[in-house]
Amino acid sequence: MLTELHNSWAWFVIFSNAIAGLWALAAHWLTPLRTRALWWFIVAAELTIFVQVGFGVGMVAGQGIAAPKFHMFYGFVAIIAVGLIYSYRQQMEKHKYLLYGLGSLFIMGLGIRAMLVATRV
């Protein structure tokens, strides 16, 4: 059951971060898109990564399932990316929509890459 949840949630991680990234990039150029809802959506999209990694850790530690090479690496890099994006928010205040837009798309790409590595067993 945890395996199915991990596989299904991966799509949610990818699509939520894609939407967050595109919305933030659009907000960089279109002021009306700069709403509080954008920031809540970005937070929710980034939290999906932590949930996904938690599912994966549960599979490896709790069920003894071996993860494919580099699959876990992409998950943990995604968590590190969230931390880096958050830590640069003050320095990039003038370009915060670009930071979060490109950062969310980068996280989406890590999710896609993790899925591709997992299917190539």
C-alpha atoms as a PDB file:
ATOM      1  CA  MET A   1       0.000   0.000   0.000  1.00  0.00           C
ATOM      2  CA  LEU A   2       2.810   2.425   0.843  1.00  0.00           C
ATOM      3  CA  THR A   3       4.404   1.694  -2.529  1.00  0.00           C
ATOM      4  CA  GLU A   4       1.205   2.619  -4.364  1.00  0.00           C
ATOM      5  CA  LEU A   5       0.876   5.775  -2.276  1.00  0.00           C
ATOM      6  CA  HIS A   6       4.492   6.722  -3.002  1.00  0.00           C
ATOM      7  CA  ASN A   7       3.988   6.160  -6.744  1.00  0.00           C
ATOM      8  CA  SER A   8       0.742   8.134  -6.876  1.00  0.00           C
ATOM      9  CA  TRP A   9       1.964  10.991  -4.711  1.00  0.00           C
ATOM     10  CA  ALA A  10       4.934  11.487  -7.058  1.00  0.00           C
ATOM     11  CA  TRP A  11       2.558  12.836  -9.705  1.00  0.00           C
ATOM     12  CA  PHE A  12       1.082  15.231  -7.169  1.00  0.00           C
ATOM     13  CA  VAL A  13       4.575  16.487  -6.283  1.00  0.00           C
ATOM     14  CA  ILE A  14       5.449  17.018  -9.936  1.00  0.00           C
ATOM     15  CA  PHE A  15       2.245  18.759 -10.990  1.00  0.00           C
ATOM     16  CA  SER A  16       1.895  20.927  -7.885  1.00  0.00           C
ATOM     17  CA  ASN A  17       5.451  22.209  -8.268  1.00  0.00           C
ATOM     18  CA  ALA A  18       4.943  22.750 -11.999  1.00  0.00           C
ATOM     19  CA  ILE A  19       1.846  24.856 -11.342  1.00  0.00           C
ATOM     20  CA  ALA A  20       3.579  26.755  -8.539  1.00  0.00           C
ATOM     21  CA  GLY A  21       6.584  27.445 -10.757  1.00  0.00           C
ATOM     22  CA  LEU A  22       4.556  28.629 -13.716  1.00  0.00           C
ATOM     23  CA  TRP A  23       2.319  30.759 -11.507  1.00  0.00           C
ATOM     24  CA  ALA A  24       5.320  32.422  -9.824  1.00  0.00           C
ATOM     25  CA  LEU A  25       7.011  33.064 -13.162  1.00  0.00           C
ATOM     26  CA  ALA A  26       3.831  34.583 -14.540  1.00  0.00           C
ATOM     27  CA  ALA A  27       3.539  36.707 -11.379  1.00  0.00           C
ATOM     28  CA  HIS A  28       6.984  38.113 -12.095  1.00  0.00           C
ATOM     29  CA  TRP A  29       5.545  39.841 -15.157  1.00  0.00           C
ATOM     30  CA  LEU A  30       1.847  40.143 -14.272  1.00  0.00           C
ATOM     31  CA  THR A  31       1.251  42.030 -11.042  1.00  0.00           C
ATOM     32  CA  PRO A  32      -2.378  40.859 -10.553  1.00  0.00           C
ATOM     33  CA  LEU A  33      -1.081  37.292 -10.084  1.00  0.00           C
ATOM     34  CA  ARG A  34       0.928  38.348  -7.017  1.00  0.00           C
ATOM     35  CA  THR A  35      -1.544  37.177  -4.407  1.00  0.00           C
ATOM     36  CA  ARG A  36      -1.342  35.607  -0.989  1.00  0.00           C
ATOM     37  CA  ALA A  37      -2.786  32.445  -2.538  1.00  0.00           C
ATOM     38  CA  LEU A  38       0.390  32.070  -4.624  1.00  0.00           C
ATOM     39  CA  TRP A  39       2.531  31.854  -1.496  1.00  0.00           C
ATOM     40  CA  TRP A  40       0.194  29.382   0.166  1.00  0.00           C
ATOM     41  CA  PHE A  41       0.248  27.263  -2.973  1.00  0.00           C
ATOM     42  CA  ILE A  42       4.050  27.338  -3.107  1.00  0.00           C
ATOM     43  CA  VAL A  43       4.245  26.269   0.547  1.00  0.00           C
ATOM     44  CA  ALA A  44       1.797  23.422  -0.099  1.00  0.00           C
ATOM     45  CA  ALA A  45       3.707  22.312  -3.213  1.00  0.00           C
ATOM     46  CA  GLU A  46       7.005  22.315  -1.340  1.00  0.00           C
ATOM     47  CA  LEU A  47       5.518  20.387   1.573  1.00  0.00           C
ATOM     48  CA  THR A  48       4.491  17.616  -0.822  1.00  0.00           C
ATOM     49  CA  ILE A  49       8.191  16.845  -1.250  1.00  0.00           C
ATOM     50  CA  PHE A  50       8.651  16.193   2.457  1.00  0.00           C
ATOM     51  CA  VAL A  51       5.617  13.907   2.456  1.00  0.00           C
ATOM     52  CA  GLN A  52       6.963  12.035  -0.578  1.00  0.00           C
ATOM     53  CA  VAL A  53      10.386  11.556   0.984  1.00  0.00           C
ATOM     54  CA  GLY A  54       8.680  10.395   4.182  1.00  0.00           C
ATOM     55  CA  PHE A  55       6.799   7.751   2.200  1.00  0.00           C
ATOM     56  CA  GLY A  56      10.066   6.663   0.616  1.00  0.00           C
ATOM     57  CA  VAL A  57      11.891   6.469   3.924  1.00  0.00           C
ATOM     58  CA  GLY A  58       9.004   4.425   5.284  1.00  0.00           C
ATOM     59  CA  MET A  59       9.345   1.995   2.404  1.00  0.00           C
ATOM     60  CA  VAL A  60      13.097   1.610   2.799  1.00  0.00           C
ATOM     61  CA  ALA A  61      13.283   1.571   6.593  1.00  0.00           C
ATOM     62  CA  GLY A  62       9.935   0.004   7.447  1.00  0.00           C
ATOM     63  CA  GLN A  63       9.398  -2.439   4.616  1.00  0.00           C
ATOM     64  CA  GLY A  64      12.987  -3.164   3.610  1.00  0.00           C
ATOM     65  CA  ILE A  65      12.422  -2.205  -0.033  1.00  0.00           C
ATOM     66  CA  ALA A  66      15.628  -1.284  -1.852  1.00  0.00           C
ATOM     67  CA  ALA A  67      15.473   1.981  -3.783  1.00  0.00           C
ATOM     68  CA  PRO A  68      17.023   2.215  -7.267  1.00  0.00           C
ATOM     69  CA  LYS A  69      20.369   3.963  -7.628  1.00  0.00           C
ATOM     70  CA  PHE A  70      20.124   7.756  -7.396  1.00  0.00           C
ATOM     71  CA  HIS A  71      16.370   7.654  -6.671  1.00  0.00           C
ATOM     72  CA  MET A  72      16.814   8.668  -3.041  1.00  0.00           C
ATOM     73  CA  PHE A  73      19.476  11.173  -4.068  1.00  0.00           C
ATOM     74  CA  TYR A  74      16.941  13.163  -6.115  1.00  0.00           C
ATOM     75  CA  GLY A  75      14.472  13.171  -3.240  1.00  0.00           C
ATOM     76  CA  PHE A  76      16.977  14.523  -0.774  1.00  0.00           C
ATOM     77  CA  VAL A  77      18.293  17.059  -3.285  1.00  0.00           C
ATOM     78  CA  ALA A  78      14.713  18.314  -3.654  1.00  0.00           C
ATOM     79  CA  ILE A  79      14.549  18.865   0.115  1.00  0.00           C
ATOM     80  CA  ILE A  80      17.882  20.678   0.016  1.00  0.00           C
ATOM     81  CA  ALA A  81      16.590  22.796  -2.895  1.00  0.00           C
ATOM     82  CA  VAL A  82      13.596  23.882  -0.800  1.00  0.00           C
ATOM     83  CA  GLY A  83      15.990  24.961   1.937  1.00  0.00           C
ATOM     84  CA  LEU A  84      18.208  26.852  -0.483  1.00  0.00           C
ATOM     85  CA  ILE A  85      15.295  28.624  -2.120  1.00  0.00           C
ATOM     86  CA  TYR A  86      13.979  29.665   1.273  1.00  0.00           C
ATOM     87  CA  SER A  87      17.396  30.818   2.473  1.00  0.00           C
ATOM     88  CA  TYR A  88      17.892  33.091  -0.556  1.00  0.00           C
ATOM     89  CA  ARG A  89      14.500  34.813  -0.279  1.00  0.00           C
ATOM     90  CA  GLN A  90      15.942  37.887   1.504  1.00  0.00           C
ATOM     91  CA  GLN A  91      18.834  38.397  -0.887  1.00  0.00           C
ATOM     92  CA  MET A  92      16.636  37.878  -3.935  1.00  0.00           C
ATOM     93  CA  GLU A  93      13.749  40.077  -2.746  1.00  0.00           C
ATOM     94  CA  LYS A  94      13.651  42.014  -6.036  1.00  0.00           C
ATOM     95  CA  HIS A  95      13.498  38.757  -7.991  1.00  0.00           C
ATOM     96  CA  LYS A  96      11.605  36.566  -5.537  1.00  0.00           C
ATOM     97  CA  TYR A  97       9.036  35.491  -8.125  1.00  0.00           C
ATOM     98  CA  LEU A  98      11.805  34.333 -10.434  1.00  0.00           C
ATOM     99  CA  LEU A  99      13.522  32.571  -7.524  1.00  0.00           C
ATOM    100  CA  TYR A 100      10.418  30.653  -6.515  1.00  0.00           C
ATOM    101  CA  GLY A 101       9.279  30.089 -10.093  1.00  0.00           C
ATOM    102  CA  LEU A 102      12.537  28.649 -11.334  1.00  0.00           C
ATOM    103  CA  GLY A 103      13.102  26.875  -8.022  1.00  0.00           C
ATOM    104  CA  SER A 104       9.716  25.159  -8.194  1.00  0.00           C
ATOM    105  CA  LEU A 105      10.362  24.095 -11.785  1.00  0.00           C
ATOM    106  CA  PHE A 106      13.752  22.734 -10.713  1.00  0.00           C
ATOM    107  CA  ILE A 107      12.059  20.706  -7.977  1.00  0.00           C
ATOM    108  CA  MET A 108       9.539  19.464 -10.540  1.00  0.00           C
ATOM    109  CA  GLY A 109      12.455  18.343 -12.711  1.00  0.00           C
ATOM    110  CA  LEU A 110      14.017  16.487  -9.802  1.00  0.00           C
ATOM    111  CA  GLY A 111      10.724  14.682  -9.296  1.00  0.00           C
ATOM    112  CA  ILE A 112      10.561  13.707 -12.960  1.00  0.00           C
ATOM    113  CA  ARG A 113      14.149  12.516 -12.859  1.00  0.00           C
ATOM    114  CA  ALA A 114      13.475  10.461  -9.720  1.00  0.00           C
ATOM    115  CA  MET A 115      10.534   8.787 -11.453  1.00  0.00           C
ATOM    116  CA  LEU A 116      12.587   8.026 -14.553  1.00  0.00           C
ATOM    117  CA  VAL A 117      15.381   6.508 -12.488  1.00  0.00           C
ATOM    118  CA  ALA A 118      12.849   4.423 -10.532  1.00  0.00           C
ATOM    119  CA  THR A 119      11.287   2.961 -13.679  1.00  0.00           C
ATOM    120  CA  ARG A 120      14.678   2.000 -15.120  1.00  0.00           C
ATOM    121  CA  VAL A 121      15.283  -0.907 -12.730  1.00  0.00           C
END
